[in-house]
PDB file of N, CA and C in Angstrom:
ATOM      1  N   UNK A   1      57.286-196.321 -42.077  1.00  0.00           N
ATOM      2  CA  UNK A   1      57.912-194.893 -42.196  1.00  0.00           C
ATOM      3  C   UNK A   1      58.981-194.301 -42.092  1.00  0.00           C
ATOM      4  N   UNK A   2      59.406-193.780 -42.233  1.00  0.00           N
ATOM      5  CA  UNK A   2      61.119-193.350 -42.052  1.00  0.00           C
ATOM      6  C   UNK A   2      60.392-191.650 -41.299  1.00  0.00           C
ATOM      7  N   UNK A   3      61.569-191.142 -40.379  1.00  0.00           N
ATOM      8  CA  UNK A   3      60.837-190.269 -39.300  1.00  0.00           C
ATOM      9  C   UNK A   3      62.193-189.217 -39.632  1.00  0.00           C
ATOM     10  N   UNK A   4      61.394-188.198 -38.570  1.00  0.00           N
ATOM     11  CA  UNK A   4      62.812-187.212 -39.283  1.00  0.00           C
ATOM     12  C   UNK A   4      62.767-186.730 -37.453  1.00  0.00           C
ATOM     13  N   UNK A   5      63.970-186.242 -37.179  1.00  0.00           N
ATOM     14  CA  UNK A   5      64.480-185.878 -35.829  1.00  0.00           C
ATOM     15  C   UNK A   5      63.629-184.691 -35.579  1.00  0.00           C
ATOM     16  N   UNK A   6      63.040-184.195 -34.689  1.00  0.00           N
ATOM     17  CA  UNK A   6      62.508-183.148 -34.166  1.00  0.00           C
ATOM     18  C   UNK A   6      63.695-182.462 -33.662  1.00  0.00           C
ATOM     19  N   UNK A   7      64.147-180.953 -33.498  1.00  0.00           N
ATOM     20  CA  UNK A   7      65.411-180.312 -33.180  1.00  0.00           C
ATOM     21  C   UNK A   7      64.968-179.766 -32.061  1.00  0.00           C
ATOM     22  N   UNK A   8      65.711-180.393 -30.890  1.00  0.00           N
ATOM     23  CA  UNK A   8      65.218-179.007 -29.737  1.00  0.00           C
ATOM     24  C   UNK A   8      65.652-177.610 -30.300  1.00  0.00           C
ATOM     25  N   UNK A   9      64.740-176.811 -29.360  1.00  0.00           N
ATOM     26  CA  UNK A   9      64.894-175.457 -29.688  1.00  0.00           C
ATOM     27  C   UNK A   9      66.151-174.571 -29.824  1.00  0.00           C
ATOM     28  N   UNK A  10      67.514-175.533 -28.752  1.00  0.00           N
ATOM     29  CA  UNK A  10      69.117-174.792 -28.740  1.00  0.00           C
ATOM     30  C   UNK A  10      69.056-175.091 -30.013  1.00  0.00           C
ATOM     31  N   UNK A  11      68.712-175.891 -31.291  1.00  0.00           N
ATOM     32  CA  UNK A  11      69.130-176.642 -32.657  1.00  0.00           C
ATOM     33  C   UNK A  11      68.635-176.158 -33.580  1.00  0.00           C
ATOM     34  N   UNK A  12      67.451-175.325 -33.834  1.00  0.00           N
ATOM     35  CA  UNK A  12      66.939-174.409 -34.315  1.00  0.00           C
ATOM     36  C   UNK A  12      67.763-173.759 -35.361  1.00  0.00           C
ATOM     37  N   UNK A  13      68.174-173.994 -36.710  1.00  0.00           N
ATOM     38  CA  UNK A  13      69.109-173.226 -37.416  1.00  0.00           C
ATOM     39  C   UNK A  13      68.665-171.688 -37.135  1.00  0.00           C
ATOM     40  N   UNK A  14      69.365-170.356 -36.936  1.00  0.00           N
ATOM     41  CA  UNK A  14      69.480-169.107 -36.389  1.00  0.00           C
ATOM     42  C   UNK A  14      68.765-168.632 -37.588  1.00  0.00           C
ATOM     43  N   UNK A  15      68.323-168.798 -38.787  1.00  0.00           N
ATOM     44  CA  UNK A  15      67.552-168.595 -40.035  1.00  0.00           C
ATOM     45  C   UNK A  15      65.785-168.707 -39.608  1.00  0.00           C
ATOM     46  N   UNK A  16      65.963-169.979 -38.620  1.00  0.00           N
ATOM     47  CA  UNK A  16      64.530-169.909 -38.619  1.00  0.00           C
ATOM     48  C   UNK A  16      63.691-169.919 -37.413  1.00  0.00           C
ATOM     49  N   UNK A  17      64.636-169.005 -35.850  1.00  0.00           N
ATOM     50  CA  UNK A  17      64.442-169.292 -35.040  1.00  0.00           C
ATOM     51  C   UNK A  17      62.967-167.829 -34.995  1.00  0.00           C
ATOM     52  N   UNK A  18      62.976-167.053 -35.504  1.00  0.00           N
ATOM     53  CA  UNK A  18      62.016-165.977 -35.387  1.00  0.00           C
ATOM     54  C   UNK A  18      60.862-166.335 -36.055  1.00  0.00           C
ATOM     55  N   UNK A  19      60.830-167.130 -37.112  1.00  0.00           N
ATOM     56  CA  UNK A  19      59.301-167.970 -37.379  1.00  0.00           C
ATOM     57  C   UNK A  19      59.028-168.767 -36.149  1.00  0.00           C
ATOM     58  N   UNK A  20      60.101-169.732 -36.033  1.00  0.00           N
ATOM     59  CA  UNK A  20      59.694-170.888 -34.873  1.00  0.00           C
ATOM     60  C   UNK A  20      58.960-169.610 -33.644  1.00  0.00           C
ATOM     61  N   UNK A  21      59.501-168.645 -33.294  1.00  0.00           N
ATOM     62  CA  UNK A  21      58.676-168.098 -32.461  1.00  0.00           C
ATOM     63  C   UNK A  21      57.150-167.330 -32.835  1.00  0.00           C
ATOM     64  N   UNK A  22      56.971-166.804 -34.028  1.00  0.00           N
ATOM     65  CA  UNK A  22      55.456-166.984 -34.312  1.00  0.00           C
ATOM     66  C   UNK A  22      54.728-167.621 -34.553  1.00  0.00           C
ATOM     67  N   UNK A  23      55.520-168.804 -35.121  1.00  0.00           N
ATOM     68  CA  UNK A  23      54.231-169.966 -35.641  1.00  0.00           C
ATOM     69  C   UNK A  23      53.643-170.809 -33.788  1.00  0.00           C
ATOM     70  N   UNK A  24      54.562-170.416 -32.923  1.00  0.00           N
ATOM     71  CA  UNK A  24      54.691-170.722 -31.557  1.00  0.00           C
ATOM     72  C   UNK A  24      53.395-169.867 -30.907  1.00  0.00           C
ATOM     73  N   UNK A  25      53.403-168.637 -31.309  1.00  0.00           N
ATOM     74  CA  UNK A  25      53.083-168.073 -30.872  1.00  0.00           C
ATOM     75  C   UNK A  25      51.265-167.548 -31.403  1.00  0.00           C
ATOM     76  N   UNK A  26      51.079-167.761 -32.665  1.00  0.00           N
ATOM     77  CA  UNK A  26      49.995-168.840 -33.186  1.00  0.00           C
ATOM     78  C   UNK A  26      49.272-169.904 -32.685  1.00  0.00           C
ATOM     79  N   UNK A  27      50.247-170.999 -32.163  1.00  0.00           N
ATOM     80  CA  UNK A  27      49.470-171.881 -31.816  1.00  0.00           C
ATOM     81  C   UNK A  27      49.006-172.051 -30.460  1.00  0.00           C
ATOM     82  N   UNK A  28      49.877-171.637 -29.701  1.00  0.00           N
ATOM     83  CA  UNK A  28      49.304-171.214 -28.145  1.00  0.00           C
ATOM     84  C   UNK A  28      47.964-170.461 -28.464  1.00  0.00           C
ATOM     85  N   UNK A  29      47.921-169.041 -28.992  1.00  0.00           N
ATOM     86  CA  UNK A  29      46.566-168.104 -29.371  1.00  0.00           C
ATOM     87  C   UNK A  29      45.419-169.171 -30.016  1.00  0.00           C
ATOM     88  N   UNK A  30      45.207-170.089 -31.285  1.00  0.00           N
ATOM     89  CA  UNK A  30      44.522-171.005 -31.636  1.00  0.00           C
ATOM     90  C   UNK A  30      44.504-172.170 -30.834  1.00  0.00           C
ATOM     91  N   UNK A  31      45.280-172.975 -30.655  1.00  0.00           N
ATOM     92  CA  UNK A  31      45.235-173.678 -30.193  1.00  0.00           C
ATOM     93  C   UNK A  31      45.253-173.990 -28.779  1.00  0.00           C
ATOM     94  N   UNK A  32      45.737-173.247 -27.958  1.00  0.00           N
ATOM     95  CA  UNK A  32      46.416-173.265 -26.431  1.00  0.00           C
ATOM     96  C   UNK A  32      47.494-174.399 -26.025  1.00  0.00           C
ATOM     97  N   UNK A  33      48.425-174.502 -27.365  1.00  0.00           N
ATOM     98  CA  UNK A  33      49.359-175.185 -26.987  1.00  0.00           C
ATOM     99  C   UNK A  33      50.707-174.751 -26.980  1.00  0.00           C
ATOM    100  N   UNK A  34      52.056-175.043 -26.012  1.00  0.00           N
ATOM    101  CA  UNK A  34      53.057-174.424 -25.769  1.00  0.00           C
ATOM    102  C   UNK A  34      53.727-174.411 -26.557  1.00  0.00           C
ATOM    103  N   UNK A  35      53.865-175.953 -27.553  1.00  0.00           N
ATOM    104  CA  UNK A  35      54.845-176.636 -28.318  1.00  0.00           C
ATOM    105  C   UNK A  35      54.157-176.399 -29.711  1.00  0.00           C
ATOM    106  N   UNK A  36      55.741-176.414 -30.826  1.00  0.00           N
ATOM    107  CA  UNK A  36      55.849-176.055 -31.687  1.00  0.00           C
ATOM    108  C   UNK A  36      55.358-177.905 -32.705  1.00  0.00           C
ATOM    109  N   UNK A  37      54.138-177.451 -33.241  1.00  0.00           N
ATOM    110  CA  UNK A  37      53.740-178.988 -33.580  1.00  0.00           C
ATOM    111  C   UNK A  37      54.863-179.634 -34.404  1.00  0.00           C
ATOM    112  N   UNK A  38      55.168-181.079 -34.802  1.00  0.00           N
ATOM    113  CA  UNK A  38      55.864-181.717 -35.080  1.00  0.00           C
ATOM    114  C   UNK A  38      55.793-181.650 -36.809  1.00  0.00           C
ATOM    115  N   UNK A  39      54.779-180.891 -37.256  1.00  0.00           N
ATOM    116  CA  UNK A  39      54.810-181.033 -38.679  1.00  0.00           C
ATOM    117  C   UNK A  39      56.057-179.376 -38.940  1.00  0.00           C
ATOM    118  N   UNK A  40      55.668-178.402 -37.948  1.00  0.00           N
ATOM    119  CA  UNK A  40      56.474-177.309 -38.090  1.00  0.00           C
ATOM    120  C   UNK A  40      58.385-177.984 -37.794  1.00  0.00           C
ATOM    121  N   UNK A  41      58.442-178.390 -36.670  1.00  0.00           N
ATOM    122  CA  UNK A  41      59.302-178.709 -36.175  1.00  0.00           C
ATOM    123  C   UNK A  41      59.986-179.167 -37.188  1.00  0.00           C
ATOM    124  N   UNK A  42      59.521-180.338 -38.195  1.00  0.00           N
ATOM    125  CA  UNK A  42      60.269-181.537 -39.083  1.00  0.00           C
ATOM    126  C   UNK A  42      60.800-180.106 -40.123  1.00  0.00           C
ATOM    127  N   UNK A  43      60.659-178.951 -40.420  1.00  0.00           N
ATOM    128  CA  UNK A  43      60.541-177.943 -41.348  1.00  0.00           C
ATOM    129  C   UNK A  43      62.139-177.366 -40.495  1.00  0.00           C
ATOM    130  N   UNK A  44      62.275-177.317 -39.689  1.00  0.00           N
ATOM    131  CA  UNK A  44      63.520-176.286 -39.316  1.00  0.00           C
ATOM    132  C   UNK A  44      64.693-176.673 -40.050  1.00  0.00           C
ATOM    133  N   UNK A  45      64.764-177.619 -40.722  1.00  0.00           N
ATOM    134  CA  UNK A  45      65.745-177.914 -41.160  1.00  0.00           C
ATOM    135  C   UNK A  45      66.279-177.640 -42.476  1.00  0.00           C
ATOM    136  N   UNK A  46      65.031-176.769 -43.124  1.00  0.00           N
ATOM    137  CA  UNK A  46      64.956-175.945 -44.030  1.00  0.00           C
ATOM    138  C   UNK A  46      64.049-174.703 -43.926  1.00  0.00           C
ATOM    139  N   UNK A  47      64.783-174.049 -43.337  1.00  0.00           N
ATOM    140  CA  UNK A  47      64.426-172.594 -43.041  1.00  0.00           C
ATOM    141  C   UNK A  47      63.138-172.170 -43.914  1.00  0.00           C
ATOM    142  N   UNK A  48      63.904-171.938 -45.231  1.00  0.00           N
ATOM    143  CA  UNK A  48      63.157-171.358 -46.629  1.00  0.00           C
ATOM    144  C   UNK A  48      61.700-172.210 -47.061  1.00  0.00           C
ATOM    145  N   UNK A  49      61.830-173.787 -46.777  1.00  0.00           N
ATOM    146  CA  UNK A  49      61.015-174.350 -46.982  1.00  0.00           C
ATOM    147  C   UNK A  49      59.796-173.954 -45.615  1.00  0.00           C
ATOM    148  N   UNK A  50      60.597-174.062 -44.631  1.00  0.00           N
ATOM    149  CA  UNK A  50      59.162-173.437 -43.667  1.00  0.00           C
ATOM    150  C   UNK A  50      58.902-172.410 -43.739  1.00  0.00           C
ATOM    151  N   UNK A  51      59.681-171.283 -44.203  1.00  0.00           N
ATOM    152  CA  UNK A  51      58.655-170.102 -44.369  1.00  0.00           C
ATOM    153  C   UNK A  51      57.891-169.850 -45.812  1.00  0.00           C
ATOM    154  N   UNK A  52      58.015-170.974 -46.872  1.00  0.00           N
ATOM    155  CA  UNK A  52      56.818-171.165 -48.105  1.00  0.00           C
ATOM    156  C   UNK A  52      55.866-171.815 -46.891  1.00  0.00           C
ATOM    157  N   UNK A  53      55.801-172.880 -46.214  1.00  0.00           N
ATOM    158  CA  UNK A  53      54.582-173.473 -45.518  1.00  0.00           C
ATOM    159  C   UNK A  53      53.828-172.429 -44.938  1.00  0.00           C
ATOM    160  N   UNK A  54      54.507-171.676 -44.116  1.00  0.00           N
ATOM    161  CA  UNK A  54      54.190-170.426 -43.470  1.00  0.00           C
ATOM    162  C   UNK A  54      52.769-170.158 -44.252  1.00  0.00           C
ATOM    163  N   UNK A  55      53.519-169.004 -45.003  1.00  0.00           N
ATOM    164  CA  UNK A  55      52.824-168.209 -45.828  1.00  0.00           C
ATOM    165  C   UNK A  55      51.581-168.985 -46.889  1.00  0.00           C
ATOM    166  N   UNK A  56      52.168-170.139 -47.138  1.00  0.00           N
ATOM    167  CA  UNK A  56      50.833-171.063 -47.877  1.00  0.00           C
ATOM    168  C   UNK A  56      49.644-171.106 -46.344  1.00  0.00           C
ATOM    169  N   UNK A  57      50.411-171.316 -45.021  1.00  0.00           N
ATOM    170  CA  UNK A  57      49.652-172.024 -44.247  1.00  0.00           C
ATOM    171  C   UNK A  57      48.475-170.358 -43.833  1.00  0.00           C
ATOM    172  N   UNK A  58      49.418-169.400 -43.793  1.00  0.00           N
ATOM    173  CA  UNK A  58      48.683-168.503 -43.647  1.00  0.00           C
ATOM    174  C   UNK A  58      47.749-167.797 -44.924  1.00  0.00           C
ATOM    175  N   UNK A  59      47.872-168.232 -46.325  1.00  0.00           N
ATOM    176  CA  UNK A  59      46.937-167.976 -47.135  1.00  0.00           C
ATOM    177  C   UNK A  59      45.636-168.589 -47.164  1.00  0.00           C
ATOM    178  N   UNK A  60      45.831-169.808 -46.646  1.00  0.00           N
ATOM    179  CA  UNK A  60      44.423-170.581 -46.757  1.00  0.00           C
ATOM    180  C   UNK A  60      43.796-171.374 -45.328  1.00  0.00           C
ATOM    181  N   UNK A  61      44.979-171.492 -43.823  1.00  0.00           N
ATOM    182  CA  UNK A  61      44.182-171.463 -43.113  1.00  0.00           C
ATOM    183  C   UNK A  61      44.127-170.476 -41.762  1.00  0.00           C
ATOM    184  N   UNK A  62      44.398-169.506 -42.465  1.00  0.00           N
ATOM    185  CA  UNK A  62      44.573-168.320 -41.073  1.00  0.00           C
ATOM    186  C   UNK A  62      43.490-167.231 -41.590  1.00  0.00           C
ATOM    187  N   UNK A  63      42.970-167.249 -42.783  1.00  0.00           N
ATOM    188  CA  UNK A  63      42.435-165.698 -43.199  1.00  0.00           C
ATOM    189  C   UNK A  63      41.421-166.354 -43.524  1.00  0.00           C
ATOM    190  N   UNK A  64      40.036-165.426 -43.922  1.00  0.00           N
ATOM    191  CA  UNK A  64      38.991-166.032 -44.582  1.00  0.00           C
ATOM    192  C   UNK A  64      37.841-166.250 -43.423  1.00  0.00           C
ATOM    193  N   UNK A  65      36.558-166.142 -43.629  1.00  0.00           N
ATOM    194  CA  UNK A  65      35.567-166.223 -42.182  1.00  0.00           C
ATOM    195  C   UNK A  65      35.616-167.580 -42.061  1.00  0.00           C
ATOM    196  N   UNK A  66      36.020-168.683 -42.251  1.00  0.00           N
ATOM    197  CA  UNK A  66      36.210-169.873 -41.632  1.00  0.00           C
ATOM    198  C   UNK A  66      37.131-169.984 -40.338  1.00  0.00           C
ATOM    199  N   UNK A  67      36.700-169.790 -38.877  1.00  0.00           N
ATOM    200  CA  UNK A  67      37.607-170.403 -38.060  1.00  0.00           C
ATOM    201  C   UNK A  67      38.490-171.001 -38.311  1.00  0.00           C
ATOM    202  N   UNK A  68      39.535-170.707 -37.843  1.00  0.00           N
ATOM    203  CA  UNK A  68      40.927-171.675 -38.775  1.00  0.00           C
ATOM    204  C   UNK A  68      41.516-173.263 -37.380  1.00  0.00           C
ATOM    205  N   UNK A  69      40.115-173.288 -36.111  1.00  0.00           N
ATOM    206  CA  UNK A  69      40.494-174.501 -35.608  1.00  0.00           C
ATOM    207  C   UNK A  69      39.059-175.371 -36.614  1.00  0.00           C
ATOM    208  N   UNK A  70      38.011-174.278 -36.996  1.00  0.00           N
ATOM    209  CA  UNK A  70      37.192-175.585 -38.181  1.00  0.00           C
ATOM    210  C   UNK A  70      38.170-175.952 -39.139  1.00  0.00           C
ATOM    211  N   UNK A  71      38.927-175.391 -39.783  1.00  0.00           N
ATOM    212  CA  UNK A  71      39.725-175.621 -41.194  1.00  0.00           C
ATOM    213  C   UNK A  71      40.554-176.604 -41.088  1.00  0.00           C
ATOM    214  N   UNK A  72      41.504-176.646 -39.504  1.00  0.00           N
ATOM    215  CA  UNK A  72      42.266-177.941 -38.633  1.00  0.00           C
ATOM    216  C   UNK A  72      41.299-178.560 -38.689  1.00  0.00           C
ATOM    217  N   UNK A  73      39.981-178.836 -38.421  1.00  0.00           N
ATOM    218  CA  UNK A  73      39.455-180.119 -37.828  1.00  0.00           C
ATOM    219  C   UNK A  73      39.378-180.801 -39.542  1.00  0.00           C
ATOM    220  N   UNK A  74      38.755-179.987 -40.787  1.00  0.00           N
ATOM    221  CA  UNK A  74      38.733-180.487 -41.543  1.00  0.00           C
ATOM    222  C   UNK A  74      39.666-181.309 -41.849  1.00  0.00           C
ATOM    223  N   UNK A  75      40.862-180.207 -42.228  1.00  0.00           N
ATOM    224  CA  UNK A  75      41.940-181.144 -42.631  1.00  0.00           C
ATOM    225  C   UNK A  75      42.276-182.392 -42.036  1.00  0.00           C
ATOM    226  N   UNK A  76      41.514-182.480 -40.784  1.00  0.00           N
ATOM    227  CA  UNK A  76      42.139-183.324 -40.163  1.00  0.00           C
ATOM    228  C   UNK A  76      41.212-184.781 -40.259  1.00  0.00           C
ATOM    229  N   UNK A  77      39.953-184.735 -40.419  1.00  0.00           N
ATOM    230  CA  UNK A  77      38.798-185.303 -40.862  1.00  0.00           C
ATOM    231  C   UNK A  77      39.473-186.127 -42.534  1.00  0.00           C
ATOM    232  N   UNK A  78      39.582-185.151 -42.973  1.00  0.00           N
ATOM    233  CA  UNK A  78      39.968-185.057 -44.256  1.00  0.00           C
ATOM    234  C   UNK A  78      41.217-186.921 -44.604  1.00  0.00           C
ATOM    235  N   UNK A  79      42.723-186.155 -43.814  1.00  0.00           N
ATOM    236  CA  UNK A  79      43.529-186.997 -43.650  1.00  0.00           C
ATOM    237  C   UNK A  79      42.877-188.665 -42.996  1.00  0.00           C
ATOM    238  N   UNK A  80      41.985-188.455 -41.956  1.00  0.00           N
ATOM    239  CA  UNK A  80      41.700-189.934 -41.637  1.00  0.00           C
ATOM    240  C   UNK A  80      40.825-190.552 -42.496  1.00  0.00           C
ATOM    241  N   UNK A  81      40.199-189.832 -43.454  1.00  0.00           N
ATOM    242  CA  UNK A  81      39.505-190.592 -44.611  1.00  0.00           C
ATOM    243  C   UNK A  81      40.708-190.982 -45.530  1.00  0.00           C
ATOM    244  N   UNK A  82      41.374-190.464 -45.234  1.00  0.00           N
ATOM    245  CA  UNK A  82      42.313-191.139 -46.836  1.00  0.00           C
ATOM    246  C   UNK A  82      43.681-191.962 -46.512  1.00  0.00           C
ATOM    247  N   UNK A  83      43.539-192.242 -45.348  1.00  0.00           N
ATOM    248  CA  UNK A  83      43.925-193.377 -44.192  1.00  0.00           C
ATOM    249  C   UNK A  83      45.898-192.612 -44.115  1.00  0.00           C
ATOM    250  N   UNK A  84      45.580-190.907 -44.111  1.00  0.00           N
ATOM    251  CA  UNK A  84      47.538-190.695 -43.832  1.00  0.00           C
ATOM    252  C   UNK A  84      47.265-190.988 -42.368  1.00  0.00           C
ATOM    253  N   UNK A  85      48.930-191.861 -42.325  1.00  0.00           N
ATOM    254  CA  UNK A  85      49.659-191.954 -41.688  1.00  0.00           C
ATOM    255  C   UNK A  85      50.216-191.007 -40.947  1.00  0.00           C
ATOM    256  N   UNK A  86      50.201-189.933 -41.089  1.00  0.00           N
ATOM    257  CA  UNK A  86      50.892-189.171 -40.105  1.00  0.00           C
ATOM    258  C   UNK A  86      49.926-188.253 -38.673  1.00  0.00           C
TER     259      UNK A  86
END
């Protein structure tokens, strides 16, 4: 399986820095973690791709009546069931 080196905070392109701050704020609020998760960190190379995925995440995972943590748990269970390597 190929890997993507996660950039250190000071290496993140300027175009992605504000979005990284917003994502970290959300992850701290929802999950209680201070670090940017690897899935987001791997997208910092391509700020426009990261932004598109952030908007998709906001539409599917952050809105609605089902709590975000429950949605994440369902997504994780589906990944395990499908033998996802990530």
